[in-house]
PDB file of N, CA and C in Angstrom:
ATOM      1  N   UNK A   1     -92.056-133.542-106.071  1.00  0.00           N
ATOM      2  CA  UNK A   1     -91.590-132.114-105.858  1.00  0.00           C
ATOM      3  C   UNK A   1     -92.893-131.569-105.031  1.00  0.00           C
ATOM      4  N   UNK A   2     -92.387-131.118-103.928  1.00  0.00           N
ATOM      5  CA  UNK A   2     -93.436-130.523-103.051  1.00  0.00           C
ATOM      6  C   UNK A   2     -93.047-128.882-103.209  1.00  0.00           C
ATOM      7  N   UNK A   3     -93.841-128.081-104.072  1.00  0.00           N
ATOM      8  CA  UNK A   3     -93.658-126.563-104.160  1.00  0.00           C
ATOM      9  C   UNK A   3     -94.140-125.881-103.221  1.00  0.00           C
ATOM     10  N   UNK A   4     -93.278-125.018-102.657  1.00  0.00           N
ATOM     11  CA  UNK A   4     -93.990-124.030-101.606  1.00  0.00           C
ATOM     12  C   UNK A   4     -93.798-122.534-102.255  1.00  0.00           C
ATOM     13  N   UNK A   5     -93.391-122.396-103.388  1.00  0.00           N
ATOM     14  CA  UNK A   5     -93.345-121.098-103.853  1.00  0.00           C
ATOM     15  C   UNK A   5     -93.151-120.945-105.223  1.00  0.00           C
ATOM     16  N   UNK A   6     -93.820-120.397-106.220  1.00  0.00           N
ATOM     17  CA  UNK A   6     -93.489-120.221-107.540  1.00  0.00           C
ATOM     18  C   UNK A   6     -93.398-118.806-108.129  1.00  0.00           C
ATOM     19  N   UNK A   7     -92.509-118.544-108.660  1.00  0.00           N
ATOM     20  CA  UNK A   7     -91.962-117.263-109.613  1.00  0.00           C
ATOM     21  C   UNK A   7     -91.756-117.563-110.922  1.00  0.00           C
ATOM     22  N   UNK A   8     -92.784-116.328-111.666  1.00  0.00           N
ATOM     23  CA  UNK A   8     -92.549-116.486-113.187  1.00  0.00           C
ATOM     24  C   UNK A   8     -91.504-115.476-113.259  1.00  0.00           C
ATOM     25  N   UNK A   9     -90.455-116.054-114.328  1.00  0.00           N
ATOM     26  CA  UNK A   9     -89.555-115.229-114.888  1.00  0.00           C
ATOM     27  C   UNK A   9     -89.588-114.742-116.187  1.00  0.00           C
ATOM     28  N   UNK A  10     -88.695-113.887-116.619  1.00  0.00           N
ATOM     29  CA  UNK A  10     -88.736-113.154-117.881  1.00  0.00           C
ATOM     30  C   UNK A  10     -88.416-114.446-118.700  1.00  0.00           C
ATOM     31  N   UNK A  11     -89.191-114.401-119.895  1.00  0.00           N
ATOM     32  CA  UNK A  11     -88.997-115.354-120.870  1.00  0.00           C
ATOM     33  C   UNK A  11     -89.645-116.488-121.010  1.00  0.00           C
ATOM     34  N   UNK A  12     -90.382-116.684-119.859  1.00  0.00           N
ATOM     35  CA  UNK A  12     -91.371-117.881-119.791  1.00  0.00           C
ATOM     36  C   UNK A  12     -90.916-118.933-118.908  1.00  0.00           C
ATOM     37  N   UNK A  13     -89.702-118.637-118.228  1.00  0.00           N
ATOM     38  CA  UNK A  13     -89.123-119.848-117.372  1.00  0.00           C
ATOM     39  C   UNK A  13     -89.973-119.791-115.866  1.00  0.00           C
ATOM     40  N   UNK A  14     -89.608-120.486-114.884  1.00  0.00           N
ATOM     41  CA  UNK A  14     -90.073-120.605-113.628  1.00  0.00           C
ATOM     42  C   UNK A  14     -88.858-120.581-112.585  1.00  0.00           C
ATOM     43  N   UNK A  15     -89.225-120.047-111.507  1.00  0.00           N
ATOM     44  CA  UNK A  15     -88.182-120.377-110.228  1.00  0.00           C
ATOM     45  C   UNK A  15     -89.294-121.051-109.184  1.00  0.00           C
ATOM     46  N   UNK A  16     -88.947-122.279-108.821  1.00  0.00           N
ATOM     47  CA  UNK A  16     -89.369-122.802-107.936  1.00  0.00           C
ATOM     48  C   UNK A  16     -88.926-123.365-106.739  1.00  0.00           C
ATOM     49  N   UNK A  17     -89.407-122.978-105.792  1.00  0.00           N
ATOM     50  CA  UNK A  17     -88.951-123.232-104.247  1.00  0.00           C
ATOM     51  C   UNK A  17     -89.455-124.615-104.038  1.00  0.00           C
ATOM     52  N   UNK A  18     -88.597-125.644-103.727  1.00  0.00           N
ATOM     53  CA  UNK A  18     -89.112-127.029-103.294  1.00  0.00           C
ATOM     54  C   UNK A  18     -88.686-127.289-102.094  1.00  0.00           C
ATOM     55  N   UNK A  19     -89.721-127.771-101.162  1.00  0.00           N
ATOM     56  CA  UNK A  19     -89.379-128.277 -99.718  1.00  0.00           C
ATOM     57  C   UNK A  19     -88.916-129.708 -99.674  1.00  0.00           C
ATOM     58  N   UNK A  20     -87.493-129.773 -99.101  1.00  0.00           N
ATOM     59  CA  UNK A  20     -86.852-130.933 -99.025  1.00  0.00           C
ATOM     60  C   UNK A  20     -86.394-131.310 -97.486  1.00  0.00           C
ATOM     61  N   UNK A  21     -85.970-132.371 -97.087  1.00  0.00           N
ATOM     62  CA  UNK A  21     -86.010-132.823 -95.531  1.00  0.00           C
ATOM     63  C   UNK A  21     -84.976-132.122 -94.935  1.00  0.00           C
ATOM     64  N   UNK A  22     -83.788-131.590 -95.678  1.00  0.00           N
ATOM     65  CA  UNK A  22     -82.800-130.791 -95.050  1.00  0.00           C
ATOM     66  C   UNK A  22     -83.164-129.179 -95.117  1.00  0.00           C
ATOM     67  N   UNK A  23     -84.050-128.982 -95.739  1.00  0.00           N
ATOM     68  CA  UNK A  23     -84.756-127.473 -95.795  1.00  0.00           C
ATOM     69  C   UNK A  23     -85.345-127.317 -97.052  1.00  0.00           C
ATOM     70  N   UNK A  24     -84.659-126.802 -98.041  1.00  0.00           N
ATOM     71  CA  UNK A  24     -85.446-126.481 -99.367  1.00  0.00           C
ATOM     72  C   UNK A  24     -84.301-126.125-100.572  1.00  0.00           C
ATOM     73  N   UNK A  25     -84.851-126.248-101.744  1.00  0.00           N
ATOM     74  CA  UNK A  25     -84.040-126.173-102.914  1.00  0.00           C
ATOM     75  C   UNK A  25     -84.680-125.042-103.790  1.00  0.00           C
ATOM     76  N   UNK A  26     -84.037-124.369-104.708  1.00  0.00           N
ATOM     77  CA  UNK A  26     -84.506-123.552-105.687  1.00  0.00           C
ATOM     78  C   UNK A  26     -84.249-124.104-106.887  1.00  0.00           C
ATOM     79  N   UNK A  27     -85.089-124.149-108.105  1.00  0.00           N
ATOM     80  CA  UNK A  27     -84.966-124.770-109.107  1.00  0.00           C
ATOM     81  C   UNK A  27     -85.633-123.858-110.365  1.00  0.00           C
ATOM     82  N   UNK A  28     -84.729-123.680-111.645  1.00  0.00           N
ATOM     83  CA  UNK A  28     -85.348-122.863-112.366  1.00  0.00           C
ATOM     84  C   UNK A  28     -85.468-124.041-113.626  1.00  0.00           C
ATOM     85  N   UNK A  29     -87.107-123.677-114.270  1.00  0.00           N
ATOM     86  CA  UNK A  29     -87.487-124.685-114.813  1.00  0.00           C
ATOM     87  C   UNK A  29     -88.192-124.053-116.069  1.00  0.00           C
ATOM     88  N   UNK A  30     -88.137-124.787-117.120  1.00  0.00           N
ATOM     89  CA  UNK A  30     -89.248-124.641-118.540  1.00  0.00           C
ATOM     90  C   UNK A  30     -90.261-125.243-118.664  1.00  0.00           C
ATOM     91  N   UNK A  31     -91.415-124.747-119.244  1.00  0.00           N
ATOM     92  CA  UNK A  31     -92.432-125.610-119.349  1.00  0.00           C
ATOM     93  C   UNK A  31     -92.229-126.482-120.724  1.00  0.00           C
ATOM     94  N   UNK A  32     -92.859-127.673-120.647  1.00  0.00           N
ATOM     95  CA  UNK A  32     -93.824-128.222-119.982  1.00  0.00           C
ATOM     96  C   UNK A  32     -93.521-128.779-118.533  1.00  0.00           C
ATOM     97  N   UNK A  33     -94.181-128.715-117.628  1.00  0.00           N
ATOM     98  CA  UNK A  33     -93.971-129.360-116.254  1.00  0.00           C
ATOM     99  C   UNK A  33     -95.151-129.704-115.400  1.00  0.00           C
ATOM    100  N   UNK A  34     -94.901-130.391-114.631  1.00  0.00           N
ATOM    101  CA  UNK A  34     -96.015-130.994-113.473  1.00  0.00           C
ATOM    102  C   UNK A  34     -95.364-130.779-112.291  1.00  0.00           C
ATOM    103  N   UNK A  35     -96.180-129.943-111.534  1.00  0.00           N
ATOM    104  CA  UNK A  35     -95.517-129.755-109.841  1.00  0.00           C
ATOM    105  C   UNK A  35     -96.755-130.112-109.196  1.00  0.00           C
ATOM    106  N   UNK A  36     -96.668-130.681-107.981  1.00  0.00           N
ATOM    107  CA  UNK A  36     -97.623-130.611-107.014  1.00  0.00           C
ATOM    108  C   UNK A  36     -97.089-129.491-105.768  1.00  0.00           C
ATOM    109  N   UNK A  37     -98.044-128.966-105.220  1.00  0.00           N
ATOM    110  CA  UNK A  37     -97.925-127.905-104.368  1.00  0.00           C
ATOM    111  C   UNK A  37     -98.209-128.464-103.127  1.00  0.00           C
ATOM    112  N   UNK A  38     -97.580-127.236-101.919  1.00  0.00           N
ATOM    113  CA  UNK A  38     -98.096-127.558-100.607  1.00  0.00           C
ATOM    114  C   UNK A  38     -99.043-126.960-100.134  1.00  0.00           C
ATOM    115  N   UNK A  39     -99.665-126.997 -99.211  1.00  0.00           N
ATOM    116  CA  UNK A  39    -101.001-126.543 -98.894  1.00  0.00           C
ATOM    117  C   UNK A  39    -101.004-125.133 -98.362  1.00  0.00           C
ATOM    118  N   UNK A  40     -99.869-124.640 -98.131  1.00  0.00           N
ATOM    119  CA  UNK A  40     -99.497-123.315 -97.577  1.00  0.00           C
ATOM    120  C   UNK A  40     -98.935-122.562 -98.608  1.00  0.00           C
ATOM    121  N   UNK A  41     -99.094-122.972 -99.731  1.00  0.00           N
ATOM    122  CA  UNK A  41     -98.508-122.167-101.198  1.00  0.00           C
ATOM    123  C   UNK A  41     -99.492-120.894-101.197  1.00  0.00           C
ATOM    124  N   UNK A  42    -100.639-120.832-100.699  1.00  0.00           N
ATOM    125  CA  UNK A  42    -101.633-119.856-101.323  1.00  0.00           C
ATOM    126  C   UNK A  42    -102.483-119.455 -99.859  1.00  0.00           C
ATOM    127  N   UNK A  43    -103.022-118.293 -99.702  1.00  0.00           N
ATOM    128  CA  UNK A  43    -103.827-117.983 -98.670  1.00  0.00           C
ATOM    129  C   UNK A  43    -105.088-118.033 -99.278  1.00  0.00           C
ATOM    130  N   UNK A  44    -106.391-118.734 -98.489  1.00  0.00           N
ATOM    131  CA  UNK A  44    -107.462-118.942 -99.111  1.00  0.00           C
ATOM    132  C   UNK A  44    -108.173-117.501 -98.988  1.00  0.00           C
ATOM    133  N   UNK A  45    -109.174-117.065-100.037  1.00  0.00           N
ATOM    134  CA  UNK A  45    -109.774-115.962-100.128  1.00  0.00           C
ATOM    135  C   UNK A  45    -111.241-116.081 -99.858  1.00  0.00           C
ATOM    136  N   UNK A  46    -111.643-115.519 -98.289  1.00  0.00           N
ATOM    137  CA  UNK A  46    -113.087-115.781 -97.963  1.00  0.00           C
ATOM    138  C   UNK A  46    -113.916-114.696 -98.713  1.00  0.00           C
ATOM    139  N   UNK A  47    -114.860-115.450 -99.235  1.00  0.00           N
ATOM    140  CA  UNK A  47    -115.827-114.274 -99.786  1.00  0.00           C
ATOM    141  C   UNK A  47    -116.601-113.663 -98.797  1.00  0.00           C
ATOM    142  N   UNK A  48    -116.894-112.394 -99.340  1.00  0.00           N
ATOM    143  CA  UNK A  48    -117.471-111.617 -98.456  1.00  0.00           C
ATOM    144  C   UNK A  48    -119.029-111.412 -99.154  1.00  0.00           C
ATOM    145  N   UNK A  49    -119.831-110.845 -97.920  1.00  0.00           N
ATOM    146  CA  UNK A  49    -121.292-110.547 -98.625  1.00  0.00           C
ATOM    147  C   UNK A  49    -121.255-109.599 -99.618  1.00  0.00           C
ATOM    148  N   UNK A  50    -120.612-108.750 -99.685  1.00  0.00           N
ATOM    149  CA  UNK A  50    -120.361-107.897-100.965  1.00  0.00           C
ATOM    150  C   UNK A  50    -120.096-108.757-102.116  1.00  0.00           C
ATOM    151  N   UNK A  51    -119.304-109.782-101.935  1.00  0.00           N
ATOM    152  CA  UNK A  51    -119.106-110.393-103.079  1.00  0.00           C
ATOM    153  C   UNK A  51    -120.075-111.311-103.660  1.00  0.00           C
ATOM    154  N   UNK A  52    -120.922-111.881-102.771  1.00  0.00           N
ATOM    155  CA  UNK A  52    -122.024-112.667-102.986  1.00  0.00           C
ATOM    156  C   UNK A  52    -122.855-111.717-103.916  1.00  0.00           C
ATOM    157  N   UNK A  53    -123.242-110.545-103.438  1.00  0.00           N
ATOM    158  CA  UNK A  53    -124.158-109.700-103.975  1.00  0.00           C
ATOM    159  C   UNK A  53    -123.805-109.331-105.194  1.00  0.00           C
ATOM    160  N   UNK A  54    -122.528-108.769-105.475  1.00  0.00           N
ATOM    161  CA  UNK A  54    -122.133-108.813-106.587  1.00  0.00           C
ATOM    162  C   UNK A  54    -121.923-109.815-107.727  1.00  0.00           C
ATOM    163  N   UNK A  55    -121.974-111.000-107.387  1.00  0.00           N
ATOM    164  CA  UNK A  55    -121.874-112.158-108.145  1.00  0.00           C
ATOM    165  C   UNK A  55    -123.345-112.340-108.858  1.00  0.00           C
ATOM    166  N   UNK A  56    -124.297-111.867-107.912  1.00  0.00           N
ATOM    167  CA  UNK A  56    -125.656-112.132-108.192  1.00  0.00           C
ATOM    168  C   UNK A  56    -125.949-111.488-109.628  1.00  0.00           C
ATOM    169  N   UNK A  57    -125.243-110.339-109.695  1.00  0.00           N
ATOM    170  CA  UNK A  57    -125.791-109.515-110.620  1.00  0.00           C
ATOM    171  C   UNK A  57    -124.805-109.568-112.017  1.00  0.00           C
ATOM    172  N   UNK A  58    -123.803-110.381-112.019  1.00  0.00           N
ATOM    173  CA  UNK A  58    -123.135-110.712-113.039  1.00  0.00           C
ATOM    174  C   UNK A  58    -123.582-111.719-114.368  1.00  0.00           C
ATOM    175  N   UNK A  59    -123.243-111.355-115.273  1.00  0.00           N
ATOM    176  CA  UNK A  59    -123.797-111.930-116.520  1.00  0.00           C
ATOM    177  C   UNK A  59    -122.738-113.373-116.565  1.00  0.00           C
ATOM    178  N   UNK A  60    -123.619-114.473-116.885  1.00  0.00           N
ATOM    179  CA  UNK A  60    -122.858-115.757-116.865  1.00  0.00           C
ATOM    180  C   UNK A  60    -122.747-115.955-118.436  1.00  0.00           C
ATOM    181  N   UNK A  61    -121.723-115.851-119.222  1.00  0.00           N
ATOM    182  CA  UNK A  61    -121.668-116.026-120.663  1.00  0.00           C
ATOM    183  C   UNK A  61    -121.382-117.407-121.124  1.00  0.00           C
ATOM    184  N   UNK A  62    -122.170-117.818-122.127  1.00  0.00           N
ATOM    185  CA  UNK A  62    -121.895-119.429-122.642  1.00  0.00           C
ATOM    186  C   UNK A  62    -121.467-119.601-123.812  1.00  0.00           C
ATOM    187  N   UNK A  63    -120.275-119.993-124.102  1.00  0.00           N
ATOM    188  CA  UNK A  63    -119.809-120.243-125.233  1.00  0.00           C
ATOM    189  C   UNK A  63    -120.041-121.707-125.944  1.00  0.00           C
ATOM    190  N   UNK A  64    -120.157-121.734-127.345  1.00  0.00           N
ATOM    191  CA  UNK A  64    -120.334-122.867-128.115  1.00  0.00           C
ATOM    192  C   UNK A  64    -118.994-123.106-128.774  1.00  0.00           C
ATOM    193  N   UNK A  65    -118.939-124.452-129.551  1.00  0.00           N
ATOM    194  CA  UNK A  65    -117.735-124.690-129.991  1.00  0.00           C
ATOM    195  C   UNK A  65    -117.521-123.832-131.250  1.00  0.00           C
ATOM    196  N   UNK A  66    -118.763-123.343-131.904  1.00  0.00           N
ATOM    197  CA  UNK A  66    -118.752-122.484-132.918  1.00  0.00           C
ATOM    198  C   UNK A  66    -117.906-121.084-132.233  1.00  0.00           C
ATOM    199  N   UNK A  67    -118.333-120.618-131.104  1.00  0.00           N
ATOM    200  CA  UNK A  67    -117.842-119.136-130.738  1.00  0.00           C
ATOM    201  C   UNK A  67    -116.219-119.377-130.576  1.00  0.00           C
ATOM    202  N   UNK A  68    -115.640-120.670-130.263  1.00  0.00           N
ATOM    203  CA  UNK A  68    -114.541-120.896-130.008  1.00  0.00           C
ATOM    204  C   UNK A  68    -113.573-121.324-131.016  1.00  0.00           C
ATOM    205  N   UNK A  69    -114.344-121.573-132.309  1.00  0.00           N
ATOM    206  CA  UNK A  69    -113.759-121.903-133.706  1.00  0.00           C
ATOM    207  C   UNK A  69    -113.227-123.375-133.690  1.00  0.00           C
ATOM    208  N   UNK A  70    -113.667-124.144-133.015  1.00  0.00           N
ATOM    209  CA  UNK A  70    -113.380-125.559-133.179  1.00  0.00           C
ATOM    210  C   UNK A  70    -114.272-126.273-134.087  1.00  0.00           C
ATOM    211  N   UNK A  71    -113.231-127.234-134.648  1.00  0.00           N
ATOM    212  CA  UNK A  71    -114.198-128.089-135.739  1.00  0.00           C
ATOM    213  C   UNK A  71    -114.578-129.342-135.428  1.00  0.00           C
ATOM    214  N   UNK A  72    -115.521-129.805-135.861  1.00  0.00           N
ATOM    215  CA  UNK A  72    -116.326-130.786-135.532  1.00  0.00           C
ATOM    216  C   UNK A  72    -115.661-131.890-134.948  1.00  0.00           C
ATOM    217  N   UNK A  73    -114.362-132.228-135.415  1.00  0.00           N
ATOM    218  CA  UNK A  73    -113.866-133.864-134.910  1.00  0.00           C
ATOM    219  C   UNK A  73    -113.310-133.524-133.654  1.00  0.00           C
ATOM    220  N   UNK A  74    -113.072-132.121-133.219  1.00  0.00           N
ATOM    221  CA  UNK A  74    -112.622-131.864-131.789  1.00  0.00           C
ATOM    222  C   UNK A  74    -113.328-131.671-130.804  1.00  0.00           C
ATOM    223  N   UNK A  75    -114.633-131.725-131.028  1.00  0.00           N
ATOM    224  CA  UNK A  75    -115.787-131.694-130.070  1.00  0.00           C
ATOM    225  C   UNK A  75    -116.694-132.671-129.889  1.00  0.00           C
ATOM    226  N   UNK A  76    -117.382-132.691-128.615  1.00  0.00           N
ATOM    227  CA  UNK A  76    -118.357-133.558-128.584  1.00  0.00           C
ATOM    228  C   UNK A  76    -117.946-134.981-128.046  1.00  0.00           C
ATOM    229  N   UNK A  77    -118.789-136.077-128.434  1.00  0.00           N
ATOM    230  CA  UNK A  77    -118.335-137.261-128.092  1.00  0.00           C
ATOM    231  C   UNK A  77    -117.168-137.631-129.004  1.00  0.00           C
ATOM    232  N   UNK A  78    -117.395-137.419-130.169  1.00  0.00           N
ATOM    233  CA  UNK A  78    -116.193-137.765-131.351  1.00  0.00           C
ATOM    234  C   UNK A  78    -114.970-137.206-130.829  1.00  0.00           C
ATOM    235  N   UNK A  79    -114.780-136.103-130.125  1.00  0.00           N
ATOM    236  CA  UNK A  79    -113.688-135.544-129.947  1.00  0.00           C
ATOM    237  C   UNK A  79    -112.949-135.761-128.673  1.00  0.00           C
ATOM    238  N   UNK A  80    -113.774-136.504-127.984  1.00  0.00           N
ATOM    239  CA  UNK A  80    -113.445-137.098-126.370  1.00  0.00           C
ATOM    240  C   UNK A  80    -112.099-137.734-126.282  1.00  0.00           C
ATOM    241  N   UNK A  81    -111.014-137.568-125.587  1.00  0.00           N
ATOM    242  CA  UNK A  81    -110.118-138.461-125.468  1.00  0.00           C
ATOM    243  C   UNK A  81    -110.486-139.767-124.478  1.00  0.00           C
ATOM    244  N   UNK A  82    -111.690-139.634-123.965  1.00  0.00           N
ATOM    245  CA  UNK A  82    -111.915-140.533-123.255  1.00  0.00           C
ATOM    246  C   UNK A  82    -113.527-141.055-123.311  1.00  0.00           C
ATOM    247  N   UNK A  83    -113.855-142.108-123.187  1.00  0.00           N
ATOM    248  CA  UNK A  83    -115.371-142.717-123.270  1.00  0.00           C
ATOM    249  C   UNK A  83    -115.601-143.191-122.042  1.00  0.00           C
ATOM    250  N   UNK A  84    -116.804-142.896-121.763  1.00  0.00           N
ATOM    251  CA  UNK A  84    -117.443-143.832-120.404  1.00  0.00           C
ATOM    252  C   UNK A  84    -117.829-145.153-120.557  1.00  0.00           C
ATOM    253  N   UNK A  85    -117.192-146.111-120.038  1.00  0.00           N
ATOM    254  CA  UNK A  85    -117.649-147.662-120.500  1.00  0.00           C
ATOM    255  C   UNK A  85    -118.766-147.961-119.778  1.00  0.00           C
ATOM    256  N   UNK A  86    -119.257-147.516-118.529  1.00  0.00           N
ATOM    257  CA  UNK A  86    -120.312-147.925-117.596  1.00  0.00           C
ATOM    258  C   UNK A  86    -120.808-146.848-116.444  1.00  0.00           C
ATOM    259  N   UNK A  87    -121.650-146.793-116.379  1.00  0.00           N
ATOM    260  CA  UNK A  87    -122.378-145.772-115.016  1.00  0.00           C
ATOM    261  C   UNK A  87    -123.253-146.721-114.016  1.00  0.00           C
ATOM    262  N   UNK A  88    -122.867-146.799-112.837  1.00  0.00           N
ATOM    263  CA  UNK A  88    -123.724-147.841-112.112  1.00  0.00           C
ATOM    264  C   UNK A  88    -123.529-146.846-110.632  1.00  0.00           C
ATOM    265  N   UNK A  89    -124.589-147.075-109.879  1.00  0.00           N
ATOM    266  CA  UNK A  89    -124.734-146.858-108.436  1.00  0.00           C
ATOM    267  C   UNK A  89    -124.314-148.070-107.663  1.00  0.00           C
ATOM    268  N   UNK A  90    -123.052-147.985-106.890  1.00  0.00           N
ATOM    269  CA  UNK A  90    -122.839-149.141-106.092  1.00  0.00           C
ATOM    270  C   UNK A  90    -123.769-149.314-105.001  1.00  0.00           C
ATOM    271  N   UNK A  91    -123.912-150.755-104.553  1.00  0.00           N
ATOM    272  CA  UNK A  91    -124.824-151.003-103.438  1.00  0.00           C
ATOM    273  C   UNK A  91    -124.240-150.607-102.174  1.00  0.00           C
ATOM    274  N   UNK A  92    -125.037-149.889-101.607  1.00  0.00           N
ATOM    275  CA  UNK A  92    -124.742-149.652-100.106  1.00  0.00           C
ATOM    276  C   UNK A  92    -124.771-150.512 -99.044  1.00  0.00           C
ATOM    277  N   UNK A  93    -123.671-150.981 -98.198  1.00  0.00           N
ATOM    278  CA  UNK A  93    -123.634-151.880 -97.436  1.00  0.00           C
ATOM    279  C   UNK A  93    -123.689-151.768 -96.118  1.00  0.00           C
ATOM    280  N   UNK A  94    -123.900-150.272 -95.834  1.00  0.00           N
ATOM    281  CA  UNK A  94    -124.194-149.748 -94.385  1.00  0.00           C
ATOM    282  C   UNK A  94    -125.524-149.552 -94.440  1.00  0.00           C
ATOM    283  N   UNK A  95    -126.072-149.819 -92.804  1.00  0.00           N
ATOM    284  CA  UNK A  95    -127.464-149.778 -92.457  1.00  0.00           C
ATOM    285  C   UNK A  95    -127.460-148.697 -91.490  1.00  0.00           C
ATOM    286  N   UNK A  96    -128.536-148.025 -91.460  1.00  0.00           N
ATOM    287  CA  UNK A  96    -128.899-146.998 -90.457  1.00  0.00           C
ATOM    288  C   UNK A  96    -130.485-147.460 -89.660  1.00  0.00           C
ATOM    289  N   UNK A  97    -130.102-147.028 -88.391  1.00  0.00           N
ATOM    290  CA  UNK A  97    -131.156-147.285 -87.645  1.00  0.00           C
ATOM    291  C   UNK A  97    -131.549-146.012 -86.660  1.00  0.00           C
ATOM    292  N   UNK A  98    -132.509-145.452 -86.753  1.00  0.00           N
ATOM    293  CA  UNK A  98    -132.932-144.107 -86.191  1.00  0.00           C
ATOM    294  C   UNK A  98    -133.289-144.813 -84.591  1.00  0.00           C
ATOM    295  N   UNK A  99    -132.657-144.002 -83.490  1.00  0.00           N
ATOM    296  CA  UNK A  99    -133.116-144.256 -82.087  1.00  0.00           C
ATOM    297  C   UNK A  99    -134.364-143.243 -81.867  1.00  0.00           C
ATOM    298  N   UNK A 100    -135.187-143.882 -81.193  1.00  0.00           N
ATOM    299  CA  UNK A 100    -136.291-143.097 -80.669  1.00  0.00           C
ATOM    300  C   UNK A 100    -136.032-142.704 -79.316  1.00  0.00           C
ATOM    301  N   UNK A 101    -136.969-141.829 -78.829  1.00  0.00           N
ATOM    302  CA  UNK A 101    -137.020-141.385 -77.433  1.00  0.00           C
ATOM    303  C   UNK A 101    -136.396-140.234 -77.061  1.00  0.00           C
ATOM    304  N   UNK A 102    -136.313-139.604 -76.077  1.00  0.00           N
ATOM    305  CA  UNK A 102    -135.613-138.647 -75.615  1.00  0.00           C
ATOM    306  C   UNK A 102    -134.304-138.700 -75.683  1.00  0.00           C
ATOM    307  N   UNK A 103    -133.505-137.490 -75.188  1.00  0.00           N
ATOM    308  CA  UNK A 103    -131.976-137.758 -75.050  1.00  0.00           C
ATOM    309  C   UNK A 103    -131.297-138.860 -74.247  1.00  0.00           C
ATOM    310  N   UNK A 104    -131.870-138.736 -73.298  1.00  0.00           N
ATOM    311  CA  UNK A 104    -131.288-139.888 -72.158  1.00  0.00           C
ATOM    312  C   UNK A 104    -131.522-141.092 -72.665  1.00  0.00           C
ATOM    313  N   UNK A 105    -132.889-141.715 -73.086  1.00  0.00           N
ATOM    314  CA  UNK A 105    -132.943-142.949 -73.908  1.00  0.00           C
ATOM    315  C   UNK A 105    -132.191-143.350 -74.936  1.00  0.00           C
ATOM    316  N   UNK A 106    -131.990-142.254 -75.858  1.00  0.00           N
ATOM    317  CA  UNK A 106    -131.163-142.502 -77.091  1.00  0.00           C
ATOM    318  C   UNK A 106    -129.669-142.664 -76.678  1.00  0.00           C
ATOM    319  N   UNK A 107    -129.219-142.028 -75.625  1.00  0.00           N
ATOM    320  CA  UNK A 107    -127.734-142.193 -75.162  1.00  0.00           C
ATOM    321  C   UNK A 107    -127.512-143.583 -74.599  1.00  0.00           C
ATOM    322  N   UNK A 108    -128.609-143.966 -73.742  1.00  0.00           N
ATOM    323  CA  UNK A 108    -128.496-145.415 -73.263  1.00  0.00           C
ATOM    324  C   UNK A 108    -128.650-146.460 -74.380  1.00  0.00           C
ATOM    325  N   UNK A 109    -129.388-146.174 -75.083  1.00  0.00           N
ATOM    326  CA  UNK A 109    -129.744-147.372 -76.484  1.00  0.00           C
ATOM    327  C   UNK A 109    -128.430-147.370 -77.077  1.00  0.00           C
ATOM    328  N   UNK A 110    -127.887-146.333 -77.450  1.00  0.00           N
ATOM    329  CA  UNK A 110    -126.479-146.133 -78.255  1.00  0.00           C
ATOM    330  C   UNK A 110    -125.459-146.747 -77.632  1.00  0.00           C
ATOM    331  N   UNK A 111    -125.237-146.389 -76.314  1.00  0.00           N
ATOM    332  CA  UNK A 111    -124.087-147.086 -75.512  1.00  0.00           C
ATOM    333  C   UNK A 111    -124.179-148.467 -75.340  1.00  0.00           C
ATOM    334  N   UNK A 112    -125.694-149.070 -75.284  1.00  0.00           N
ATOM    335  CA  UNK A 112    -125.816-150.410 -75.109  1.00  0.00           C
ATOM    336  C   UNK A 112    -125.444-151.220 -76.494  1.00  0.00           C
ATOM    337  N   UNK A 113    -125.845-150.609 -77.435  1.00  0.00           N
ATOM    338  CA  UNK A 113    -125.405-151.140 -78.815  1.00  0.00           C
ATOM    339  C   UNK A 113    -124.059-151.064 -78.967  1.00  0.00           C
ATOM    340  N   UNK A 114    -123.339-150.023 -78.584  1.00  0.00           N
ATOM    341  CA  UNK A 114    -121.978-150.248 -79.091  1.00  0.00           C
ATOM    342  C   UNK A 114    -121.204-151.096 -77.838  1.00  0.00           C
ATOM    343  N   UNK A 115    -121.656-151.024 -76.977  1.00  0.00           N
ATOM    344  CA  UNK A 115    -121.172-152.268 -75.854  1.00  0.00           C
ATOM    345  C   UNK A 115    -121.452-153.583 -76.316  1.00  0.00           C
ATOM    346  N   UNK A 116    -122.581-153.710 -76.925  1.00  0.00           N
ATOM    347  CA  UNK A 116    -122.815-155.271 -77.566  1.00  0.00           C
ATOM    348  C   UNK A 116    -121.899-155.532 -78.753  1.00  0.00           C
ATOM    349  N   UNK A 117    -121.465-154.427 -79.576  1.00  0.00           N
ATOM    350  CA  UNK A 117    -120.858-154.795 -80.674  1.00  0.00           C
ATOM    351  C   UNK A 117    -119.134-154.782 -80.471  1.00  0.00           C
ATOM    352  N   UNK A 118    -118.650-154.474 -78.932  1.00  0.00           N
ATOM    353  CA  UNK A 118    -117.765-154.704 -78.572  1.00  0.00           C
ATOM    354  C   UNK A 118    -116.701-153.614 -78.762  1.00  0.00           C
ATOM    355  N   UNK A 119    -117.329-152.209 -78.825  1.00  0.00           N
ATOM    356  CA  UNK A 119    -116.625-151.012 -78.994  1.00  0.00           C
ATOM    357  C   UNK A 119    -116.162-150.404 -77.949  1.00  0.00           C
ATOM    358  N   UNK A 120    -116.927-150.828 -76.710  1.00  0.00           N
ATOM    359  CA  UNK A 120    -116.671-150.198 -75.260  1.00  0.00           C
ATOM    360  C   UNK A 120    -116.999-151.178 -74.416  1.00  0.00           C
TER     361      UNK A 120
END
């Protein structure tokens, strides 16, 4: 379902506008639900210089499991529903070569290499 609008209704239900081929449909739903939304559902908020300056002054609060009243079996490694099996850095198969010289020499060398590789 590609949702383009969501309206919260009284009583905790939602009115959802979903885009379909012929236009759109409106559905009323009760949670729990999973929705995918279209890119245009929200307008991005661009940060201003004033917002940046205000953010530098704000306190960052850190909460521990004790602050949130969680018992030990629900936190940390033991409380995690997923466990990491392995961690590795994949081998890079790309190779890079730096071209030297001025802009015209680099351009000619690049064009020559691309031609030899069959790209042009």
